[in-house]
Amino acid sequence: MNEPDTRPLRTGFTTGACATAAAAAAAGALVTGEWVEPVEITLPRGQRVFFDLAERAAGPGWARAVVIKDAGDDPDVTHGAHVTVTVRRGVPGGGLRYLAGEGVGRITRPGLPLAVGEPAINPVPRAMIAAALGDLARARGIAADFEVEISIPGGEALAAKTWNPRLGILGGLSVLGTTGIVRPFSCAAWIASIHRGIDVARAAGLTHVAGATGATSERVAQAHFGLPGHAMLDMGDFAGGMLKYLARHPVARVSIAGGFGKLTKFAQGAMDLHSARSQVDFARLAELAAGLGGNRAEIAACNTASQALGLLGAPLACAVADQARARARALLGPASSAVDVLIVDREGRAVALADAAGARSP
């Protein structure tokens, strides 16, 4: 019998950290004519880390380095990507100029922390690269006037598996990272993408957004409310993360869609709806069902939320939708957003709606 693997999950490095290492190596070779490997950089929280180069090349006025991204044990779509940075001499007095090469996207919608038309190289990676190249320039007594082009071959295809197209980042991936470290199965990156989706929707002047727990409920909600793609937020299990941000950055109307089980957990107080982090309280669900004329003991003995829904049907779904809507309003606090809650079954049918006007229907 195999023993379970109890080793701790291995951390990795962000695309931004890999790009910084490649930029530092290439700039060093451009300025000194020598390659230093492994290349050492400083992460935003002060850690000194080292990277090996997978490839390196240089020519008149340019140098190029490649770092292969290691995301550790995180299921990151960019794990193994060849983060490629070409550094060239820049215009004297021009400072740093960032360019998007193959596989790196461009910003096409307002609301992100970069201007429309800019390469999707986020502020923290830019600051890391600027610090590394600034240190090099000061050590050599020269100005940090460089052109930094970042490429990720195959990045456009990888970006189709991310939220970039919905956020208006087209043509490739974003160069991301706030700490330089990828922590396996971290919620931070997902929640950050929800926040950026809200920023983009607000900047576009949208007055109605929707978050769904999965692809089926998203499809039903988008059709039901007639919303454009960039109004749909990738909420997933992070209802709390979405609503807390909307409380500080409100829109006029917010719709929440999901399966009966996940929205029951939300109605009962869960903020993270993942099955590993929250469970349906069947005793509480039985109390609710009893108030609707259901059999308390029968509901309390259920093994799954869908089993309970099958016993009492639309009345129970509507009651849960009402409770979930009240909880969402409480989380939004003083924000004046109207709220809808739509419950969708596994076949993609709307089974309950508590809408912004207070109406409820199966």
Protein backbone atom coordinates (compact mmCIF):
# COMPACT_ATOMS: atom_id res chain seq x y z
CA MET A 1 0.00 0.00 0.00
CA ASN A 2 1.41 3.39 -1.00
CA GLU A 3 1.91 5.90 1.78
CA PRO A 4 0.23 9.29 1.24
CA ASP A 5 2.56 12.06 0.10
CA THR A 6 2.75 14.47 3.04
CA ARG A 7 5.49 16.68 1.65
CA PRO A 8 4.63 20.42 1.73
CA LEU A 9 3.61 21.90 -1.61
CA ARG A 10 6.45 23.60 -3.42
CA THR A 11 6.30 27.35 -4.11
CA GLY A 12 7.33 28.83 -7.44
CA PHE A 13 8.01 32.17 -9.06
CA THR A 14 5.68 34.59 -10.83
CA THR A 15 6.02 35.57 -14.45
CA GLY A 16 7.13 39.00 -13.23
CA ALA A 17 9.99 37.54 -11.20
CA CYS A 18 11.12 35.44 -14.18
CA ALA A 19 10.99 38.49 -16.45
CA THR A 20 13.00 40.51 -13.94
CA ALA A 21 15.71 37.86 -13.81
CA ALA A 22 15.86 37.61 -17.60
CA ALA A 23 15.96 41.42 -17.92
CA ALA A 24 18.73 41.72 -15.34
CA ALA A 25 20.81 39.08 -17.09
CA ALA A 26 20.32 40.57 -20.54
CA ALA A 27 21.00 44.14 -19.39
CA GLY A 28 24.13 43.00 -17.60
CA ALA A 29 25.42 41.32 -20.74
CA LEU A 30 24.52 44.35 -22.86
CA VAL A 31 26.40 46.76 -20.58
CA THR A 32 29.40 44.63 -19.59
CA GLY A 33 29.69 42.12 -22.41
CA GLU A 34 29.60 39.30 -19.87
CA TRP A 35 26.90 36.91 -18.75
CA VAL A 36 26.48 36.26 -15.03
CA GLU A 37 24.71 33.03 -14.14
CA PRO A 38 22.81 32.23 -12.06
CA VAL A 39 21.32 35.70 -12.00
CA GLU A 40 20.33 37.16 -8.64
CA ILE A 41 17.37 39.50 -8.10
CA THR A 42 15.54 41.00 -5.12
CA LEU A 43 11.83 40.28 -4.72
CA PRO A 44 9.40 42.98 -3.47
CA ARG A 45 9.59 41.70 0.12
CA GLY A 46 13.36 41.71 0.17
CA GLN A 47 14.17 38.04 -0.56
CA ARG A 48 17.27 37.47 -2.69
CA VAL A 49 16.69 34.66 -5.18
CA PHE A 50 18.62 33.08 -8.05
CA PHE A 51 17.56 31.99 -11.54
CA ASP A 52 19.26 29.88 -14.18
CA LEU A 53 19.09 30.94 -17.81
CA ALA A 54 17.64 28.54 -20.37
CA GLU A 55 18.96 30.53 -23.34
CA ARG A 56 21.07 33.61 -23.95
CA ALA A 57 22.13 35.55 -27.01
CA ALA A 58 23.54 38.96 -27.86
CA GLY A 59 24.34 41.16 -30.83
CA PRO A 60 25.16 44.78 -31.62
CA GLY A 61 23.08 46.90 -29.22
CA TRP A 62 20.98 44.08 -27.80
CA ALA A 63 21.03 41.06 -25.49
CA ARG A 64 18.39 38.41 -24.86
CA ALA A 65 17.85 35.99 -21.97
CA VAL A 66 15.26 33.29 -21.34
CA VAL A 67 14.05 32.02 -17.95
CA ILE A 68 11.72 29.02 -17.84
CA LYS A 69 8.92 29.67 -15.38
CA ASP A 70 8.67 27.24 -12.48
CA ALA A 71 5.31 27.71 -10.74
CA GLY A 72 6.11 25.07 -8.14
CA ASP A 73 3.17 22.82 -7.34
CA ASP A 74 0.57 25.39 -8.39
CA PRO A 75 -1.57 24.40 -11.41
CA ASP A 76 -0.55 27.58 -13.24
CA VAL A 77 -1.15 27.57 -17.01
CA THR A 78 2.13 29.44 -17.49
CA HIS A 79 4.25 26.80 -15.72
CA GLY A 80 7.08 25.93 -18.10
CA ALA A 81 6.63 29.08 -20.20
CA HIS A 82 9.81 30.53 -21.74
CA VAL A 83 9.85 34.08 -20.39
CA THR A 84 12.05 35.89 -22.89
CA VAL A 85 13.44 39.40 -22.43
CA THR A 86 15.38 41.39 -25.01
CA VAL A 87 17.13 44.52 -23.72
CA ARG A 88 18.35 47.23 -26.09
CA ARG A 89 20.00 50.59 -25.59
CA GLY A 90 17.33 53.23 -25.23
CA VAL A 91 17.07 56.88 -26.21
CA PRO A 92 19.39 58.97 -23.98
CA GLY A 93 17.27 60.47 -21.20
CA GLY A 94 14.32 58.30 -22.15
CA GLY A 95 14.47 55.99 -19.14
CA LEU A 96 12.90 52.57 -19.39
CA ARG A 97 10.53 51.69 -22.20
CA TYR A 98 8.52 48.45 -22.07
CA LEU A 99 7.44 46.59 -25.19
CA ALA A 100 5.12 43.62 -25.65
CA GLY A 101 6.71 40.95 -27.77
CA GLU A 102 5.19 37.68 -28.95
CA GLY A 103 2.68 36.23 -26.50
CA VAL A 104 2.38 39.28 -24.23
CA GLY A 105 -0.93 41.10 -24.37
CA ARG A 106 -1.91 44.73 -24.64
CA ILE A 107 -4.48 46.70 -22.65
CA THR A 108 -7.58 47.53 -24.73
CA ARG A 109 -10.06 48.64 -22.02
CA PRO A 110 -9.79 51.22 -19.26
CA GLY A 111 -10.05 50.21 -15.62
CA LEU A 112 -6.82 48.24 -15.28
CA PRO A 113 -3.77 49.74 -13.54
CA LEU A 114 -2.21 50.48 -16.95
CA ALA A 115 -3.30 52.82 -19.73
CA VAL A 116 -5.07 51.57 -22.84
CA GLY A 117 -2.49 50.59 -25.44
CA GLU A 118 0.20 49.68 -22.90
CA PRO A 119 1.85 46.25 -22.81
CA ALA A 120 0.25 44.07 -20.14
CA ILE A 121 3.31 44.22 -17.90
CA ASN A 122 1.88 45.01 -14.49
CA PRO A 123 3.16 47.75 -12.16
CA VAL A 124 4.99 45.49 -9.69
CA PRO A 125 6.98 43.60 -12.36
CA ARG A 126 7.82 46.98 -13.94
CA ALA A 127 9.07 48.24 -10.58
CA MET A 128 11.14 45.06 -10.07
CA ILE A 129 12.73 45.41 -13.51
CA ALA A 130 13.34 49.12 -12.97
CA ALA A 131 15.07 48.40 -9.64
CA ALA A 132 17.30 45.70 -11.12
CA LEU A 133 18.31 47.76 -14.16
CA GLY A 134 18.66 50.88 -12.02
CA ASP A 135 21.11 49.08 -9.73
CA LEU A 136 23.13 47.97 -12.75
CA ALA A 137 23.19 51.48 -14.23
CA ARG A 138 24.29 53.11 -10.97
CA ALA A 139 27.06 50.56 -10.49
CA ARG A 140 28.37 51.40 -13.96
CA GLY A 141 27.83 55.15 -13.73
CA ILE A 142 25.42 55.26 -16.66
CA ALA A 143 21.80 56.27 -17.15
CA ALA A 144 19.16 53.51 -17.01
CA ASP A 145 17.98 54.16 -20.56
CA PHE A 146 16.85 50.79 -21.85
CA GLU A 147 14.19 49.28 -24.06
CA VAL A 148 12.82 46.12 -22.45
CA GLU A 149 10.83 43.77 -24.67
CA ILE A 150 9.14 40.81 -22.99
CA SER A 151 7.95 37.82 -25.01
CA ILE A 152 6.34 34.54 -24.01
CA PRO A 153 6.24 32.20 -27.02
CA GLY A 154 2.86 30.48 -27.17
CA GLY A 155 1.44 33.06 -24.78
CA GLU A 156 -1.52 34.01 -26.96
CA ALA A 157 -2.82 30.44 -26.87
CA LEU A 158 -2.22 30.21 -23.11
CA ALA A 159 -4.04 33.51 -22.56
CA ALA A 160 -7.22 31.99 -23.97
CA LYS A 161 -7.28 29.83 -20.81
CA THR A 162 -7.15 32.90 -18.55
CA TRP A 163 -9.46 35.84 -17.82
CA ASN A 164 -7.41 38.18 -20.03
CA PRO A 165 -9.80 38.34 -23.01
CA ARG A 166 -12.71 39.26 -20.74
CA LEU A 167 -10.64 41.99 -19.11
CA GLY A 168 -9.72 43.42 -22.49
CA ILE A 169 -6.11 42.18 -22.48
CA LEU A 170 -5.65 40.94 -26.02
CA GLY A 171 -2.87 39.21 -27.90
CA GLY A 172 -1.31 37.30 -25.06
CA LEU A 173 -0.59 36.91 -21.38
CA SER A 174 -0.10 39.46 -18.62
CA VAL A 175 3.24 39.69 -16.85
CA LEU A 176 2.01 39.43 -13.28
CA GLY A 177 3.15 39.14 -9.69
CA THR A 178 2.95 41.20 -6.52
CA THR A 179 5.39 39.28 -4.31
CA GLY A 180 7.37 37.36 -6.92
CA ILE A 181 6.34 34.09 -5.28
CA VAL A 182 3.64 31.68 -6.47
CA ARG A 183 2.02 29.92 -3.53
CA PRO A 184 0.27 26.68 -4.57
CA PHE A 185 -3.51 26.90 -4.82
CA SER A 186 -3.50 30.47 -3.49
CA CYS A 187 -6.83 32.30 -3.63
CA ALA A 188 -5.11 35.67 -4.04
CA ALA A 189 -4.68 35.55 -7.82
CA TRP A 190 -8.32 34.57 -8.43
CA ILE A 191 -9.66 37.27 -6.10
CA ALA A 192 -7.37 39.85 -7.72
CA SER A 193 -8.84 38.93 -11.13
CA ILE A 194 -12.35 39.48 -9.75
CA HIS A 195 -11.30 42.93 -8.56
CA ARG A 196 -9.82 43.80 -11.95
CA GLY A 197 -13.04 42.63 -13.63
CA ILE A 198 -15.01 45.03 -11.44
CA ASP A 199 -12.59 47.85 -12.25
CA VAL A 200 -12.96 47.21 -15.98
CA ALA A 201 -16.77 47.07 -15.76
CA ARG A 202 -16.92 50.34 -13.83
CA ALA A 203 -14.51 52.07 -16.20
CA ALA A 204 -16.69 50.94 -19.11
CA GLY A 205 -19.70 52.60 -17.45
CA LEU A 206 -21.57 49.37 -16.81
CA THR A 207 -24.33 49.64 -14.22
CA HIS A 208 -25.06 45.91 -13.88
CA VAL A 209 -22.55 43.11 -13.24
CA ALA A 210 -22.98 39.45 -12.37
CA GLY A 211 -20.87 36.84 -10.62
CA ALA A 212 -21.46 33.12 -10.98
CA THR A 213 -20.16 30.04 -9.22
CA GLY A 214 -19.47 28.14 -12.46
CA ALA A 215 -19.72 28.07 -16.24
CA THR A 216 -23.30 26.75 -16.39
CA SER A 217 -24.72 29.31 -13.97
CA GLU A 218 -22.76 32.06 -15.72
CA ARG A 219 -24.23 31.12 -19.10
CA VAL A 220 -27.78 31.11 -17.68
CA ALA A 221 -27.29 34.40 -15.83
CA GLN A 222 -25.79 36.16 -18.83
CA ALA A 223 -28.72 35.12 -21.02
CA HIS A 224 -31.34 35.84 -18.35
CA PHE A 225 -30.11 39.36 -17.61
CA GLY A 226 -28.91 40.15 -21.15
CA LEU A 227 -25.42 41.16 -20.06
CA PRO A 228 -22.28 41.63 -22.19
CA GLY A 229 -19.26 39.42 -21.56
CA HIS A 230 -17.29 42.07 -19.68
CA ALA A 231 -20.13 42.41 -17.17
CA MET A 232 -19.60 38.81 -16.08
CA LEU A 233 -17.24 38.48 -13.12
CA ASP A 234 -15.31 35.25 -12.54
CA MET A 235 -16.61 34.91 -8.99
CA GLY A 236 -16.25 31.13 -8.68
CA ASP A 237 -16.27 30.20 -5.00
CA PHE A 238 -15.21 33.67 -3.84
CA ALA A 239 -18.55 35.36 -3.23
CA GLY A 240 -17.14 37.20 -0.24
CA GLY A 241 -14.16 38.52 -2.18
CA MET A 242 -16.42 39.86 -4.92
CA LEU A 243 -18.99 41.49 -2.65
CA LYS A 244 -16.46 43.07 -0.31
CA TYR A 245 -14.80 44.79 -3.26
CA LEU A 246 -18.17 45.87 -4.66
CA ALA A 247 -18.98 47.39 -1.26
CA ARG A 248 -16.03 49.73 -1.76
CA HIS A 249 -16.41 50.10 -5.55
CA PRO A 250 -20.17 49.87 -6.14
CA VAL A 251 -22.24 49.47 -9.26
CA ALA A 252 -25.98 50.02 -9.47
CA ARG A 253 -26.98 46.36 -9.75
CA VAL A 254 -25.30 43.09 -8.84
CA SER A 255 -26.58 39.63 -9.77
CA ILE A 256 -25.31 36.42 -8.20
CA ALA A 257 -25.92 33.06 -9.86
CA GLY A 258 -25.05 29.55 -8.79
CA GLY A 259 -26.09 26.07 -7.87
CA PHE A 260 -28.43 25.36 -4.98
CA GLY A 261 -25.73 23.88 -2.74
CA LYS A 262 -23.24 26.71 -3.08
CA LEU A 263 -25.86 29.42 -2.66
CA THR A 264 -27.26 27.59 0.38
CA LYS A 265 -23.81 27.78 1.94
CA PHE A 266 -23.60 31.46 1.06
CA ALA A 267 -27.05 32.12 2.55
CA GLN A 268 -25.90 30.34 5.72
CA GLY A 269 -22.89 32.62 6.08
CA ALA A 270 -20.05 31.08 4.07
CA MET A 271 -17.79 33.51 2.20
CA ASP A 272 -15.74 30.87 0.38
CA LEU A 273 -18.03 28.34 -1.28
CA HIS A 274 -15.47 25.65 -2.11
CA SER A 275 -16.45 22.19 -0.86
CA ALA A 276 -13.16 21.84 1.02
CA ARG A 277 -13.75 25.05 2.96
CA SER A 278 -17.47 25.18 3.68
CA GLN A 279 -20.36 22.75 4.03
CA VAL A 280 -24.16 22.94 3.95
CA ASP A 281 -25.65 23.01 7.44
CA PHE A 282 -28.49 20.53 6.94
CA ALA A 283 -29.99 21.24 10.38
CA ARG A 284 -30.45 24.88 9.37
CA LEU A 285 -31.74 23.88 5.95
CA ALA A 286 -34.24 21.58 7.67
CA GLU A 287 -35.48 24.48 9.82
CA LEU A 288 -36.05 26.53 6.69
CA ALA A 289 -37.83 23.63 4.99
CA ALA A 290 -40.05 23.01 8.01
CA GLY A 291 -41.27 26.60 7.77
CA LEU A 292 -42.37 25.82 4.23
CA GLY A 293 -44.27 22.71 5.29
CA GLY A 294 -41.45 20.27 4.55
CA ASN A 295 -40.43 17.29 6.62
CA ARG A 296 -37.72 18.51 9.00
CA ALA A 297 -36.24 15.08 9.71
CA GLU A 298 -36.20 14.11 6.05
CA ILE A 299 -34.28 17.24 5.04
CA ALA A 300 -31.90 16.95 8.00
CA ALA A 301 -31.03 13.39 6.94
CA CYS A 302 -30.06 14.41 3.39
CA ASN A 303 -26.52 13.76 2.21
CA THR A 304 -26.46 16.45 -0.46
CA ALA A 305 -28.12 19.79 -1.10
CA SER A 306 -29.48 18.54 -4.42
CA GLN A 307 -31.21 15.71 -2.54
CA ALA A 308 -32.93 18.27 -0.31
CA LEU A 309 -33.93 20.33 -3.33
CA GLY A 310 -35.43 17.25 -4.93
CA LEU A 311 -37.64 16.70 -1.88
CA LEU A 312 -39.13 20.19 -1.64
CA GLY A 313 -38.37 21.78 -5.00
CA ALA A 314 -38.94 25.39 -6.00
CA PRO A 315 -40.31 26.66 -2.64
CA LEU A 316 -37.07 25.69 -0.90
CA ALA A 317 -34.96 27.14 -3.71
CA CYS A 318 -36.88 30.42 -3.55
CA ALA A 319 -36.43 30.62 0.22
CA VAL A 320 -32.68 30.06 -0.11
CA ALA A 321 -32.50 32.68 -2.87
CA ASP A 322 -34.24 35.16 -0.54
CA GLN A 323 -31.77 34.45 2.26
CA ALA A 324 -28.80 34.65 -0.09
CA ARG A 325 -30.02 38.00 -1.42
CA ALA A 326 -30.37 39.35 2.12
CA ARG A 327 -26.84 38.20 2.94
CA ALA A 328 -25.44 39.83 -0.19
CA ARG A 329 -27.15 43.10 0.72
CA ALA A 330 -25.64 42.91 4.21
CA LEU A 331 -22.15 42.39 2.78
CA LEU A 332 -22.56 45.31 0.42
CA GLY A 333 -23.34 47.52 3.42
CA PRO A 334 -23.97 51.17 2.58
CA ALA A 335 -23.41 50.52 -1.13
CA SER A 336 -26.64 51.30 -2.94
CA SER A 337 -26.46 48.31 -5.27
CA ALA A 338 -29.64 46.42 -6.07
CA VAL A 339 -29.15 42.65 -5.81
CA ASP A 340 -30.53 39.59 -7.61
CA VAL A 341 -29.90 35.95 -6.76
CA LEU A 342 -30.50 33.30 -9.41
CA ILE A 343 -30.33 29.59 -8.55
CA VAL A 344 -29.52 27.26 -11.45
CA ASP A 345 -29.71 23.47 -11.50
CA ARG A 346 -27.14 21.12 -13.03
CA GLU A 347 -29.07 20.93 -16.30
CA GLY A 348 -28.81 24.69 -16.73
CA ARG A 349 -32.37 25.55 -15.73
CA ALA A 350 -33.22 28.55 -13.56
CA VAL A 351 -35.04 27.14 -10.52
CA ALA A 352 -35.37 30.27 -8.36
CA LEU A 353 -34.91 34.02 -8.63
CA ALA A 354 -34.97 36.65 -5.91
CA ASP A 355 -34.64 39.84 -7.90
CA ALA A 356 -33.63 43.39 -7.19
CA ALA A 357 -37.25 44.50 -6.94
CA GLY A 358 -37.93 41.94 -4.18
CA ALA A 359 -39.91 39.62 -6.42
CA ARG A 360 -39.30 35.90 -6.17
CA SER A 361 -40.14 33.23 -8.70
CA PRO A 362 -39.25 29.66 -9.63
